[in-house]
């Protein structure tokens, strides 16, 4: 959606799609554990499995999957991380999964076979949004009994809420600007909700719900493109910035002293006036980045197989692949109570 909106530019045409699964039609000569007709889900990071970062459970940092633009700096336009499906030329421009056929590099390391006892929709979200939401909770090292505040009730925020429940959080609070999203997620998970009016009021409500202490964990599942008013947009222009860090700032305010902030939403550039003084004074722990799907996908698949979590109940729209433009439009415009669109190439 960041590419669709122009928030992250992409000069040449590209097939989008982090999140996909399918049936294997062909295998390369060096593939040892997969065969034609196997049904697989595919993690969205592209990783070799053999470099330093892959061996240390950080496939998004793979040294070999982004040969054009890889590097240690993590700059805005240079020295990026490992490759990803359908996510701009900065990550080597791999075409994504919104197609009838997809080429999957490093297939000995990535795809996971799926049992015939599970439907496509039951496991599809193991490729991206479930591992991403789960990671935001995992980083906070929950012991049980905590309060988790999640900013954003979209697909990733929904999975973060489900993951917090898996980790025995005592209270899950979800914040969003759209009441229909909050209502749908509350119905599915039993979470408490806050309709965002502004950052100050939202943080006040979080504190009121936690005896003034604030949340143990705040998860940013929005990123740099939140709903913004004219003043927010003008400030970004003055600072030569794209988007806003208003949600991240709210997370830092809404987290307790010694608490955790997990950044799952995308931030593609630097921002002025970042509140490092608040970060230091409150003793916050912040973790951010792309989800390390490969090391956790088997554990997450077991959650689905054993019925501990249900993923497909967030789907609101099922469309044929040739209706992809409609899917992007209604999701972008927040029309027809849209939360999650699934595309079927054979529909």
C-alpha atoms as a PDB file:
ATOM      1  CA  UNK A   1       0.000   0.000   0.000  1.00  0.00           C
ATOM      2  CA  UNK A   2       2.936   2.374   0.576  1.00  0.00           C
ATOM      3  CA  UNK A   3       3.951   1.856  -3.048  1.00  0.00           C
ATOM      4  CA  UNK A   4       0.376   2.211  -4.268  1.00  0.00           C
ATOM      5  CA  UNK A   5       0.013   5.521  -2.417  1.00  0.00           C
ATOM      6  CA  UNK A   6       3.345   6.838  -3.680  1.00  0.00           C
ATOM      7  CA  UNK A   7       4.775   6.940  -0.165  1.00  0.00           C
ATOM      8  CA  UNK A   8       7.588   4.664  -1.318  1.00  0.00           C
ATOM      9  CA  UNK A   9       8.274   5.345  -5.015  1.00  0.00           C
ATOM     10  CA  UNK A  10       8.785   2.587  -7.564  1.00  0.00           C
ATOM     11  CA  UNK A  11       9.902   3.760 -11.001  1.00  0.00           C
ATOM     12  CA  UNK A  12       9.358   0.634 -13.091  1.00  0.00           C
ATOM     13  CA  UNK A  13       6.313  -1.661 -13.212  1.00  0.00           C
ATOM     14  CA  UNK A  14       6.396  -4.430 -10.617  1.00  0.00           C
ATOM     15  CA  UNK A  15       4.118  -7.240  -9.510  1.00  0.00           C
ATOM     16  CA  UNK A  16       3.086  -6.542  -5.926  1.00  0.00           C
ATOM     17  CA  UNK A  17       2.422  -9.069  -3.185  1.00  0.00           C
ATOM     18  CA  UNK A  18       4.289  -9.993  -0.008  1.00  0.00           C
ATOM     19  CA  UNK A  19       1.742 -12.554   0.984  1.00  0.00           C
ATOM     20  CA  UNK A  20       1.137 -15.651  -1.112  1.00  0.00           C
ATOM     21  CA  UNK A  21       0.944 -19.411  -1.274  1.00  0.00           C
ATOM     22  CA  UNK A  22       0.305 -21.955  -3.982  1.00  0.00           C
ATOM     23  CA  UNK A  23       1.091 -25.284  -5.610  1.00  0.00           C
ATOM     24  CA  UNK A  24       4.553 -25.990  -6.998  1.00  0.00           C
ATOM     25  CA  UNK A  25       4.589 -26.343 -10.785  1.00  0.00           C
ATOM     26  CA  UNK A  26       8.351 -26.603 -11.349  1.00  0.00           C
ATOM     27  CA  UNK A  27      11.447 -27.078  -9.163  1.00  0.00           C
ATOM     28  CA  UNK A  28      15.035 -26.062  -9.775  1.00  0.00           C
ATOM     29  CA  UNK A  29      17.807 -28.613 -10.123  1.00  0.00           C
ATOM     30  CA  UNK A  30      19.214 -27.946  -6.651  1.00  0.00           C
ATOM     31  CA  UNK A  31      15.935 -28.150  -4.738  1.00  0.00           C
ATOM     32  CA  UNK A  32      16.036 -31.177  -2.444  1.00  0.00           C
ATOM     33  CA  UNK A  33      12.939 -31.215  -0.232  1.00  0.00           C
ATOM     34  CA  UNK A  34      10.151 -29.880  -2.461  1.00  0.00           C
ATOM     35  CA  UNK A  35       8.416 -31.525  -5.378  1.00  0.00           C
ATOM     36  CA  UNK A  36       5.936 -30.645  -8.076  1.00  0.00           C
ATOM     37  CA  UNK A  37       2.363 -30.599  -6.662  1.00  0.00           C
ATOM     38  CA  UNK A  38       3.506 -29.727  -3.115  1.00  0.00           C
ATOM     39  CA  UNK A  39       1.376 -26.997  -1.571  1.00  0.00           C
ATOM     40  CA  UNK A  40       3.441 -24.328   0.142  1.00  0.00           C
ATOM     41  CA  UNK A  41       3.353 -20.996   1.941  1.00  0.00           C
ATOM     42  CA  UNK A  42       6.223 -18.623   1.192  1.00  0.00           C
ATOM     43  CA  UNK A  43       7.808 -16.184   3.704  1.00  0.00           C
ATOM     44  CA  UNK A  44       7.929 -12.648   2.335  1.00  0.00           C
ATOM     45  CA  UNK A  45      11.663 -12.016   3.056  1.00  0.00           C
ATOM     46  CA  UNK A  46      13.942 -13.612   0.481  1.00  0.00           C
ATOM     47  CA  UNK A  47      16.872 -15.217   2.271  1.00  0.00           C
ATOM     48  CA  UNK A  48      19.690 -17.573   1.312  1.00  0.00           C
ATOM     49  CA  UNK A  49      19.828 -19.532   4.569  1.00  0.00           C
ATOM     50  CA  UNK A  50      23.613 -19.687   4.651  1.00  0.00           C
ATOM     51  CA  UNK A  51      24.996 -16.210   5.358  1.00  0.00           C
ATOM     52  CA  UNK A  52      25.823 -14.789   8.810  1.00  0.00           C
ATOM     53  CA  UNK A  53      22.451 -13.082   9.282  1.00  0.00           C
ATOM     54  CA  UNK A  54      20.388 -16.030   8.094  1.00  0.00           C
ATOM     55  CA  UNK A  55      22.275 -18.292  10.478  1.00  0.00           C
ATOM     56  CA  UNK A  56      21.597 -15.820  13.292  1.00  0.00           C
ATOM     57  CA  UNK A  57      17.826 -15.776  12.741  1.00  0.00           C
ATOM     58  CA  UNK A  58      17.680 -12.488  10.846  1.00  0.00           C
ATOM     59  CA  UNK A  59      16.609 -13.419   7.306  1.00  0.00           C
ATOM     60  CA  UNK A  60      15.621  -9.812   6.549  1.00  0.00           C
ATOM     61  CA  UNK A  61      19.324  -9.008   6.774  1.00  0.00           C
ATOM     62  CA  UNK A  62      20.369 -11.668   4.250  1.00  0.00           C
ATOM     63  CA  UNK A  63      23.655 -10.718   2.627  1.00  0.00           C
ATOM     64  CA  UNK A  64      22.995 -12.400  -0.725  1.00  0.00           C
ATOM     65  CA  UNK A  65      19.370 -11.760  -1.688  1.00  0.00           C
ATOM     66  CA  UNK A  66      19.736  -8.047  -2.496  1.00  0.00           C
ATOM     67  CA  UNK A  67      22.970  -7.880  -4.511  1.00  0.00           C
ATOM     68  CA  UNK A  68      22.229  -4.489  -6.094  1.00  0.00           C
ATOM     69  CA  UNK A  69      21.578  -2.462  -2.946  1.00  0.00           C
ATOM     70  CA  UNK A  70      22.731  -4.402   0.110  1.00  0.00           C
ATOM     71  CA  UNK A  71      24.905  -2.841   2.808  1.00  0.00           C
ATOM     72  CA  UNK A  72      25.452  -2.307   6.537  1.00  0.00           C
ATOM     73  CA  UNK A  73      24.399   1.357   6.717  1.00  0.00           C
ATOM     74  CA  UNK A  74      20.633   1.084   6.204  1.00  0.00           C
ATOM     75  CA  UNK A  75      20.386   4.355   4.316  1.00  0.00           C
ATOM     76  CA  UNK A  76      17.296   5.838   2.720  1.00  0.00           C
ATOM     77  CA  UNK A  77      18.233   4.902  -0.852  1.00  0.00           C
ATOM     78  CA  UNK A  78      21.400   2.860  -0.411  1.00  0.00           C
ATOM     79  CA  UNK A  79      22.762  -0.042   1.610  1.00  0.00           C
ATOM     80  CA  UNK A  80      19.443  -1.720   2.345  1.00  0.00           C
ATOM     81  CA  UNK A  81      18.653  -5.105   3.870  1.00  0.00           C
ATOM     82  CA  UNK A  82      17.881  -8.413   2.187  1.00  0.00           C
ATOM     83  CA  UNK A  83      15.447  -8.898  -0.680  1.00  0.00           C
ATOM     84  CA  UNK A  84      11.677  -9.046  -0.333  1.00  0.00           C
ATOM     85  CA  UNK A  85       8.883 -10.076  -2.647  1.00  0.00           C
ATOM     86  CA  UNK A  86       7.058  -7.204  -4.344  1.00  0.00           C
ATOM     87  CA  UNK A  87       8.757  -4.391  -2.458  1.00  0.00           C
ATOM     88  CA  UNK A  88      10.548  -1.963  -4.807  1.00  0.00           C
ATOM     89  CA  UNK A  89      13.880  -1.963  -6.584  1.00  0.00           C
ATOM     90  CA  UNK A  90      15.595  -0.974  -3.334  1.00  0.00           C
ATOM     91  CA  UNK A  91      15.234  -4.619  -2.295  1.00  0.00           C
ATOM     92  CA  UNK A  92      16.316  -5.996  -5.699  1.00  0.00           C
ATOM     93  CA  UNK A  93      12.926  -5.621  -7.345  1.00  0.00           C
ATOM     94  CA  UNK A  94      11.633  -9.168  -6.967  1.00  0.00           C
ATOM     95  CA  UNK A  95       8.152  -9.517  -8.435  1.00  0.00           C
ATOM     96  CA  UNK A  96       5.630 -10.530  -5.797  1.00  0.00           C
ATOM     97  CA  UNK A  97       2.812 -12.985  -5.379  1.00  0.00           C
ATOM     98  CA  UNK A  98      -0.191 -11.246  -6.935  1.00  0.00           C
ATOM     99  CA  UNK A  99       0.149 -13.348 -10.067  1.00  0.00           C
ATOM    100  CA  UNK A 100      -0.729 -16.791 -11.408  1.00  0.00           C
ATOM    101  CA  UNK A 101       2.902 -17.910 -11.296  1.00  0.00           C
ATOM    102  CA  UNK A 102       5.729 -16.788  -9.001  1.00  0.00           C
ATOM    103  CA  UNK A 103       9.438 -17.545  -9.122  1.00  0.00           C
ATOM    104  CA  UNK A 104      10.778 -18.247  -5.613  1.00  0.00           C
ATOM    105  CA  UNK A 105      14.570 -17.907  -5.125  1.00  0.00           C
ATOM    106  CA  UNK A 106      16.425 -19.866  -2.429  1.00  0.00           C
ATOM    107  CA  UNK A 107      13.531 -22.290  -2.261  1.00  0.00           C
ATOM    108  CA  UNK A 108      15.447 -24.779  -0.110  1.00  0.00           C
ATOM    109  CA  UNK A 109      15.258 -22.262   2.738  1.00  0.00           C
ATOM    110  CA  UNK A 110      11.966 -20.413   2.310  1.00  0.00           C
ATOM    111  CA  UNK A 111       8.746 -22.271   1.382  1.00  0.00           C
ATOM    112  CA  UNK A 112       6.986 -24.511   3.908  1.00  0.00           C
ATOM    113  CA  UNK A 113       4.770 -27.425   2.929  1.00  0.00           C
ATOM    114  CA  UNK A 114       1.195 -27.277   4.142  1.00  0.00           C
ATOM    115  CA  UNK A 115      -0.960 -30.166   5.317  1.00  0.00           C
ATOM    116  CA  UNK A 116      -4.006 -31.059   3.216  1.00  0.00           C
ATOM    117  CA  UNK A 117      -6.044 -30.832   6.394  1.00  0.00           C
ATOM    118  CA  UNK A 118      -5.733 -27.031   6.318  1.00  0.00           C
ATOM    119  CA  UNK A 119      -7.371 -24.711   3.808  1.00  0.00           C
ATOM    120  CA  UNK A 120      -5.484 -22.036   1.900  1.00  0.00           C
ATOM    121  CA  UNK A 121      -7.116 -19.267   3.897  1.00  0.00           C
ATOM    122  CA  UNK A 122      -6.216 -20.886   7.221  1.00  0.00           C
ATOM    123  CA  UNK A 123      -2.491 -20.653   6.477  1.00  0.00           C
ATOM    124  CA  UNK A 124      -2.105 -17.831   3.942  1.00  0.00           C
ATOM    125  CA  UNK A 125      -1.265 -15.216   6.563  1.00  0.00           C
ATOM    126  CA  UNK A 126       1.707 -17.219   7.838  1.00  0.00           C
ATOM    127  CA  UNK A 127       3.665 -15.567   5.048  1.00  0.00           C
ATOM    128  CA  UNK A 128       3.541 -12.006   6.393  1.00  0.00           C
ATOM    129  CA  UNK A 129       0.925 -10.449   8.641  1.00  0.00           C
ATOM    130  CA  UNK A 130       0.773 -13.152  11.327  1.00  0.00           C
ATOM    131  CA  UNK A 131       4.572 -13.403  11.720  1.00  0.00           C
ATOM    132  CA  UNK A 132       4.768  -9.605  11.658  1.00  0.00           C
ATOM    133  CA  UNK A 133       2.110  -9.105  14.337  1.00  0.00           C
ATOM    134  CA  UNK A 134       3.588 -11.943  16.374  1.00  0.00           C
ATOM    135  CA  UNK A 135       7.065 -10.414  16.170  1.00  0.00           C
ATOM    136  CA  UNK A 136       5.869  -7.170  17.738  1.00  0.00           C
ATOM    137  CA  UNK A 137       4.709  -9.138  20.778  1.00  0.00           C
ATOM    138  CA  UNK A 138       7.670 -11.541  20.791  1.00  0.00           C
ATOM    139  CA  UNK A 139      10.162  -8.671  20.955  1.00  0.00           C
ATOM    140  CA  UNK A 140       8.580  -7.495  24.225  1.00  0.00           C
ATOM    141  CA  UNK A 141       9.247 -10.844  25.933  1.00  0.00           C
ATOM    142  CA  UNK A 142       5.841 -11.095  27.608  1.00  0.00           C
ATOM    143  CA  UNK A 143       5.578 -13.272  30.703  1.00  0.00           C
ATOM    144  CA  UNK A 144       1.781 -13.115  30.994  1.00  0.00           C
ATOM    145  CA  UNK A 145      -0.482 -10.574  32.662  1.00  0.00           C
ATOM    146  CA  UNK A 146       0.753  -7.507  30.766  1.00  0.00           C
ATOM    147  CA  UNK A 147      -1.169  -4.728  29.040  1.00  0.00           C
ATOM    148  CA  UNK A 148      -0.469  -4.446  25.327  1.00  0.00           C
ATOM    149  CA  UNK A 149      -1.584  -1.354  23.393  1.00  0.00           C
ATOM    150  CA  UNK A 150      -1.688  -1.770  19.620  1.00  0.00           C
ATOM    151  CA  UNK A 151      -1.904   1.260  17.365  1.00  0.00           C
ATOM    152  CA  UNK A 152      -3.696   0.221  14.168  1.00  0.00           C
ATOM    153  CA  UNK A 153      -6.589  -2.221  13.709  1.00  0.00           C
ATOM    154  CA  UNK A 154      -5.675  -3.227  10.172  1.00  0.00           C
ATOM    155  CA  UNK A 155      -4.335  -6.662   9.184  1.00  0.00           C
ATOM    156  CA  UNK A 156      -1.037  -6.416  11.093  1.00  0.00           C
ATOM    157  CA  UNK A 157      -2.644  -4.841  14.159  1.00  0.00           C
ATOM    158  CA  UNK A 158      -5.262  -7.580  14.157  1.00  0.00           C
ATOM    159  CA  UNK A 159      -2.558 -10.248  14.166  1.00  0.00           C
ATOM    160  CA  UNK A 160      -0.665  -8.439  16.909  1.00  0.00           C
ATOM    161  CA  UNK A 161      -3.828  -8.564  19.029  1.00  0.00           C
ATOM    162  CA  UNK A 162      -4.219 -12.292  18.404  1.00  0.00           C
ATOM    163  CA  UNK A 163      -0.541 -12.778  19.262  1.00  0.00           C
ATOM    164  CA  UNK A 164      -0.825 -10.829  22.518  1.00  0.00           C
ATOM    165  CA  UNK A 165      -3.660 -13.137  23.522  1.00  0.00           C
ATOM    166  CA  UNK A 166      -1.491 -16.158  22.693  1.00  0.00           C
ATOM    167  CA  UNK A 167       1.103 -14.694  25.078  1.00  0.00           C
ATOM    168  CA  UNK A 168      -1.493 -14.412  27.875  1.00  0.00           C
ATOM    169  CA  UNK A 169      -1.668 -10.641  27.984  1.00  0.00           C
ATOM    170  CA  UNK A 170      -4.091  -9.496  30.668  1.00  0.00           C
ATOM    171  CA  UNK A 171      -5.392  -6.553  28.663  1.00  0.00           C
ATOM    172  CA  UNK A 172      -5.196  -5.841  24.921  1.00  0.00           C
ATOM    173  CA  UNK A 173      -6.077  -2.312  23.844  1.00  0.00           C
ATOM    174  CA  UNK A 174      -6.379  -1.511  20.138  1.00  0.00           C
ATOM    175  CA  UNK A 175      -6.399   2.052  18.807  1.00  0.00           C
ATOM    176  CA  UNK A 176      -7.595   3.142  15.374  1.00  0.00           C
ATOM    177  CA  UNK A 177      -9.245   6.065  13.580  1.00  0.00           C
ATOM    178  CA  UNK A 178     -11.994   3.866  12.120  1.00  0.00           C
ATOM    179  CA  UNK A 179     -14.768   2.607  14.362  1.00  0.00           C
ATOM    180  CA  UNK A 180     -15.744  -0.266  12.066  1.00  0.00           C
ATOM    181  CA  UNK A 181     -12.257  -1.751  12.299  1.00  0.00           C
ATOM    182  CA  UNK A 182     -12.296  -1.537  16.071  1.00  0.00           C
ATOM    183  CA  UNK A 183     -15.741  -3.091  16.265  1.00  0.00           C
ATOM    184  CA  UNK A 184     -14.751  -6.001  14.027  1.00  0.00           C
ATOM    185  CA  UNK A 185     -11.568  -6.720  15.969  1.00  0.00           C
ATOM    186  CA  UNK A 186     -13.280  -6.429  19.355  1.00  0.00           C
ATOM    187  CA  UNK A 187     -15.853  -8.965  18.186  1.00  0.00           C
ATOM    188  CA  UNK A 188     -13.115 -11.384  17.079  1.00  0.00           C
ATOM    189  CA  UNK A 189     -10.745 -11.062  20.033  1.00  0.00           C
ATOM    190  CA  UNK A 190     -12.529  -9.423  22.960  1.00  0.00           C
ATOM    191  CA  UNK A 191      -9.950  -6.632  23.011  1.00  0.00           C
ATOM    192  CA  UNK A 192     -10.677  -3.201  24.425  1.00  0.00           C
ATOM    193  CA  UNK A 193     -10.658  -0.311  21.962  1.00  0.00           C
ATOM    194  CA  UNK A 194      -9.930   3.397  21.693  1.00  0.00           C
ATOM    195  CA  UNK A 195     -11.113   5.536  18.806  1.00  0.00           C
ATOM    196  CA  UNK A 196      -8.212   7.887  18.016  1.00  0.00           C
ATOM    197  CA  UNK A 197      -9.104  11.565  18.215  1.00  0.00           C
ATOM    198  CA  UNK A 198      -5.611  12.843  18.835  1.00  0.00           C
ATOM    199  CA  UNK A 199      -2.424  11.570  20.465  1.00  0.00           C
ATOM    200  CA  UNK A 200      -2.883  13.347  23.798  1.00  0.00           C
ATOM    201  CA  UNK A 201      -6.402  12.039  24.395  1.00  0.00           C
ATOM    202  CA  UNK A 202      -5.411   8.540  23.294  1.00  0.00           C
ATOM    203  CA  UNK A 203      -2.486   8.398  25.718  1.00  0.00           C
ATOM    204  CA  UNK A 204      -4.709   9.728  28.515  1.00  0.00           C
ATOM    205  CA  UNK A 205      -7.182   6.912  27.873  1.00  0.00           C
ATOM    206  CA  UNK A 206      -4.426   4.301  27.937  1.00  0.00           C
ATOM    207  CA  UNK A 207      -3.264   5.628  31.300  1.00  0.00           C
ATOM    208  CA  UNK A 208      -6.811   5.682  32.639  1.00  0.00           C
ATOM    209  CA  UNK A 209      -7.102   2.008  31.686  1.00  0.00           C
ATOM    210  CA  UNK A 210      -3.826   1.086  33.424  1.00  0.00           C
ATOM    211  CA  UNK A 211      -4.079   2.869  36.798  1.00  0.00           C
ATOM    212  CA  UNK A 212      -1.980   5.729  35.433  1.00  0.00           C
ATOM    213  CA  UNK A 213       0.975   3.466  34.714  1.00  0.00           C
ATOM    214  CA  UNK A 214       0.657   3.252  30.890  1.00  0.00           C
ATOM    215  CA  UNK A 215       0.950   0.082  28.810  1.00  0.00           C
ATOM    216  CA  UNK A 216       3.682  -2.500  29.275  1.00  0.00           C
ATOM    217  CA  UNK A 217       4.018  -2.737  25.511  1.00  0.00           C
ATOM    218  CA  UNK A 218       3.011  -0.383  22.708  1.00  0.00           C
ATOM    219  CA  UNK A 219       3.007  -1.686  19.134  1.00  0.00           C
ATOM    220  CA  UNK A 220       3.095   0.643  16.136  1.00  0.00           C
ATOM    221  CA  UNK A 221       1.215  -1.205  13.385  1.00  0.00           C
ATOM    222  CA  UNK A 222       0.625   1.969  11.350  1.00  0.00           C
ATOM    223  CA  UNK A 223       3.939   3.470  10.255  1.00  0.00           C
ATOM    224  CA  UNK A 224       4.701   6.706   8.439  1.00  0.00           C
ATOM    225  CA  UNK A 225       1.357   7.106   6.642  1.00  0.00           C
ATOM    226  CA  UNK A 226      -1.253   7.679   9.363  1.00  0.00           C
ATOM    227  CA  UNK A 227      -4.322   9.842   8.894  1.00  0.00           C
ATOM    228  CA  UNK A 228      -3.032  13.419   9.033  1.00  0.00           C
ATOM    229  CA  UNK A 229      -4.500  16.894   9.217  1.00  0.00           C
ATOM    230  CA  UNK A 230      -3.240  20.003   7.423  1.00  0.00           C
ATOM    231  CA  UNK A 231      -0.848  20.956  10.228  1.00  0.00           C
ATOM    232  CA  UNK A 232       0.789  17.512  10.197  1.00  0.00           C
ATOM    233  CA  UNK A 233       1.243  17.693   6.435  1.00  0.00           C
ATOM    234  CA  UNK A 234       2.619  21.240   6.553  1.00  0.00           C
ATOM    235  CA  UNK A 235       5.136  20.262   9.246  1.00  0.00           C
ATOM    236  CA  UNK A 236       6.363  17.388   7.067  1.00  0.00           C
ATOM    237  CA  UNK A 237       6.903  19.770   4.141  1.00  0.00           C
ATOM    238  CA  UNK A 238       8.835  22.233   6.309  1.00  0.00           C
ATOM    239  CA  UNK A 239      11.078  19.445   7.645  1.00  0.00           C
ATOM    240  CA  UNK A 240      11.554  17.865   4.194  1.00  0.00           C
ATOM    241  CA  UNK A 241      10.013  14.680   5.557  1.00  0.00           C
ATOM    242  CA  UNK A 242       7.599  12.163   4.127  1.00  0.00           C
ATOM    243  CA  UNK A 243       4.667  11.125   6.273  1.00  0.00           C
ATOM    244  CA  UNK A 244       4.721  11.429  10.048  1.00  0.00           C
ATOM    245  CA  UNK A 245       6.042   9.816  13.224  1.00  0.00           C
ATOM    246  CA  UNK A 246       2.921  10.806  15.207  1.00  0.00           C
ATOM    247  CA  UNK A 247       1.958   7.185  15.908  1.00  0.00           C
ATOM    248  CA  UNK A 248       5.460   6.256  17.042  1.00  0.00           C
ATOM    249  CA  UNK A 249       5.492   9.293  19.343  1.00  0.00           C
ATOM    250  CA  UNK A 250       2.152   8.205  20.786  1.00  0.00           C
ATOM    251  CA  UNK A 251       3.576   4.732  21.391  1.00  0.00           C
ATOM    252  CA  UNK A 252       6.516   6.192  23.289  1.00  0.00           C
ATOM    253  CA  UNK A 253       4.164   8.305  25.407  1.00  0.00           C
ATOM    254  CA  UNK A 254       1.707   5.448  25.919  1.00  0.00           C
ATOM    255  CA  UNK A 255       4.349   2.966  27.097  1.00  0.00           C
ATOM    256  CA  UNK A 256       5.189   2.732  30.792  1.00  0.00           C
ATOM    257  CA  UNK A 257       8.600   3.506  32.247  1.00  0.00           C
ATOM    258  CA  UNK A 258      10.816   0.559  31.441  1.00  0.00           C
ATOM    259  CA  UNK A 259       8.298  -0.574  28.836  1.00  0.00           C
ATOM    260  CA  UNK A 260       8.639  -1.794  25.281  1.00  0.00           C
ATOM    261  CA  UNK A 261       7.828  -0.239  21.926  1.00  0.00           C
ATOM    262  CA  UNK A 262       7.674  -2.470  18.851  1.00  0.00           C
ATOM    263  CA  UNK A 263       7.723  -0.751  15.471  1.00  0.00           C
ATOM    264  CA  UNK A 264       6.056  -2.889  12.803  1.00  0.00           C
ATOM    265  CA  UNK A 265       4.808  -0.040  10.613  1.00  0.00           C
ATOM    266  CA  UNK A 266       7.185   1.102   7.876  1.00  0.00           C
ATOM    267  CA  UNK A 267       9.411   4.187   8.338  1.00  0.00           C
ATOM    268  CA  UNK A 268      11.489   4.646   5.172  1.00  0.00           C
ATOM    269  CA  UNK A 269      13.406   7.807   6.052  1.00  0.00           C
ATOM    270  CA  UNK A 270      14.847   9.951   8.844  1.00  0.00           C
ATOM    271  CA  UNK A 271      12.769  12.338  10.959  1.00  0.00           C
ATOM    272  CA  UNK A 272      13.736  15.521  12.799  1.00  0.00           C
ATOM    273  CA  UNK A 273      12.867  16.156  16.455  1.00  0.00           C
ATOM    274  CA  UNK A 274      12.772  12.472  17.365  1.00  0.00           C
ATOM    275  CA  UNK A 275      12.173  12.315  21.133  1.00  0.00           C
ATOM    276  CA  UNK A 276      15.386  10.665  22.252  1.00  0.00           C
ATOM    277  CA  UNK A 277      15.166  12.519  25.588  1.00  0.00           C
ATOM    278  CA  UNK A 278      11.846  10.842  26.348  1.00  0.00           C
ATOM    279  CA  UNK A 279      13.250   7.492  25.255  1.00  0.00           C
ATOM    280  CA  UNK A 280      16.158   7.901  27.672  1.00  0.00           C
ATOM    281  CA  UNK A 281      14.176   9.282  30.609  1.00  0.00           C
ATOM    282  CA  UNK A 282      11.552   6.521  30.459  1.00  0.00           C
ATOM    283  CA  UNK A 283      14.096   3.769  29.885  1.00  0.00           C
ATOM    284  CA  UNK A 284      12.187   2.363  26.919  1.00  0.00           C
ATOM    285  CA  UNK A 285      13.275  -0.596  24.856  1.00  0.00           C
ATOM    286  CA  UNK A 286      12.521  -0.129  21.161  1.00  0.00           C
ATOM    287  CA  UNK A 287      12.748  -2.804  18.502  1.00  0.00           C
ATOM    288  CA  UNK A 288      11.880  -2.365  14.856  1.00  0.00           C
ATOM    289  CA  UNK A 289      12.164  -3.895  11.417  1.00  0.00           C
ATOM    290  CA  UNK A 290      10.871  -6.601   9.133  1.00  0.00           C
ATOM    291  CA  UNK A 291       9.640  -9.780  10.775  1.00  0.00           C
ATOM    292  CA  UNK A 292      12.108 -12.711  10.927  1.00  0.00           C
ATOM    293  CA  UNK A 293       9.595 -15.065   9.329  1.00  0.00           C
ATOM    294  CA  UNK A 294      11.800 -18.086   8.638  1.00  0.00           C
ATOM    295  CA  UNK A 295      12.828 -18.807  12.275  1.00  0.00           C
ATOM    296  CA  UNK A 296       9.261 -18.601  13.611  1.00  0.00           C
ATOM    297  CA  UNK A 297       6.979 -19.806  10.809  1.00  0.00           C
ATOM    298  CA  UNK A 298       7.010 -23.463  11.910  1.00  0.00           C
ATOM    299  CA  UNK A 299       5.985 -22.505  15.440  1.00  0.00           C
ATOM    300  CA  UNK A 300       3.215 -20.297  14.073  1.00  0.00           C
ATOM    301  CA  UNK A 301       2.022 -23.046  11.750  1.00  0.00           C
ATOM    302  CA  UNK A 302       1.663 -25.290  14.805  1.00  0.00           C
ATOM    303  CA  UNK A 303      -0.558 -22.668  16.478  1.00  0.00           C
ATOM    304  CA  UNK A 304      -2.847 -22.876  13.454  1.00  0.00           C
ATOM    305  CA  UNK A 305      -2.751 -26.672  13.187  1.00  0.00           C
ATOM    306  CA  UNK A 306      -3.648 -27.115  16.853  1.00  0.00           C
ATOM    307  CA  UNK A 307      -6.437 -24.547  16.722  1.00  0.00           C
ATOM    308  CA  UNK A 308      -4.807 -22.135  19.172  1.00  0.00           C
ATOM    309  CA  UNK A 309      -5.291 -19.249  16.758  1.00  0.00           C
ATOM    310  CA  UNK A 310      -7.629 -18.550  13.855  1.00  0.00           C
ATOM    311  CA  UNK A 311      -6.264 -16.265  11.157  1.00  0.00           C
ATOM    312  CA  UNK A 312      -8.779 -16.226   8.314  1.00  0.00           C
ATOM    313  CA  UNK A 313     -11.617 -14.569  10.229  1.00  0.00           C
ATOM    314  CA  UNK A 314     -10.191 -11.103   9.481  1.00  0.00           C
ATOM    315  CA  UNK A 315     -10.890 -11.553   5.732  1.00  0.00           C
ATOM    316  CA  UNK A 316     -13.580  -9.143   4.572  1.00  0.00           C
ATOM    317  CA  UNK A 317     -13.246  -9.387   0.774  1.00  0.00           C
ATOM    318  CA  UNK A 318     -12.479 -12.266  -1.594  1.00  0.00           C
ATOM    319  CA  UNK A 319     -11.783 -11.181  -5.169  1.00  0.00           C
ATOM    320  CA  UNK A 320     -10.512 -12.670  -8.398  1.00  0.00           C
ATOM    321  CA  UNK A 321      -6.969 -11.706  -9.389  1.00  0.00           C
ATOM    322  CA  UNK A 322      -8.245  -9.583 -12.257  1.00  0.00           C
ATOM    323  CA  UNK A 323     -10.156  -7.510  -9.681  1.00  0.00           C
ATOM    324  CA  UNK A 324      -6.916  -6.501  -7.963  1.00  0.00           C
ATOM    325  CA  UNK A 325      -7.365  -2.805  -8.809  1.00  0.00           C
ATOM    326  CA  UNK A 326     -10.718  -2.815  -7.020  1.00  0.00           C
ATOM    327  CA  UNK A 327      -9.116  -4.471  -3.987  1.00  0.00           C
ATOM    328  CA  UNK A 328      -6.440  -1.795  -3.738  1.00  0.00           C
ATOM    329  CA  UNK A 329      -8.982   0.978  -4.149  1.00  0.00           C
ATOM    330  CA  UNK A 330     -11.411  -0.121  -1.457  1.00  0.00           C
ATOM    331  CA  UNK A 331      -8.614  -0.873   1.008  1.00  0.00           C
ATOM    332  CA  UNK A 332      -6.896   2.461   0.340  1.00  0.00           C
ATOM    333  CA  UNK A 333     -10.133   4.429   0.650  1.00  0.00           C
ATOM    334  CA  UNK A 334     -11.361   2.347   3.614  1.00  0.00           C
ATOM    335  CA  UNK A 335     -14.592   1.552   1.783  1.00  0.00           C
ATOM    336  CA  UNK A 336     -17.136  -1.224   2.330  1.00  0.00           C
ATOM    337  CA  UNK A 337     -15.790  -1.959   5.854  1.00  0.00           C
ATOM    338  CA  UNK A 338     -12.639  -3.369   4.266  1.00  0.00           C
ATOM    339  CA  UNK A 339      -9.963  -4.886   6.517  1.00  0.00           C
ATOM    340  CA  UNK A 340      -8.353  -7.668   4.484  1.00  0.00           C
ATOM    341  CA  UNK A 341      -8.586  -8.563   0.798  1.00  0.00           C
ATOM    342  CA  UNK A 342      -7.665 -12.009  -0.544  1.00  0.00           C
ATOM    343  CA  UNK A 343      -7.057 -12.525  -4.261  1.00  0.00           C
ATOM    344  CA  UNK A 344      -7.703 -15.859  -5.991  1.00  0.00           C
ATOM    345  CA  UNK A 345      -5.941 -16.275  -9.390  1.00  0.00           C
ATOM    346  CA  UNK A 346      -8.220 -19.163 -10.317  1.00  0.00           C
ATOM    347  CA  UNK A 347     -11.515 -17.566  -9.327  1.00  0.00           C
END
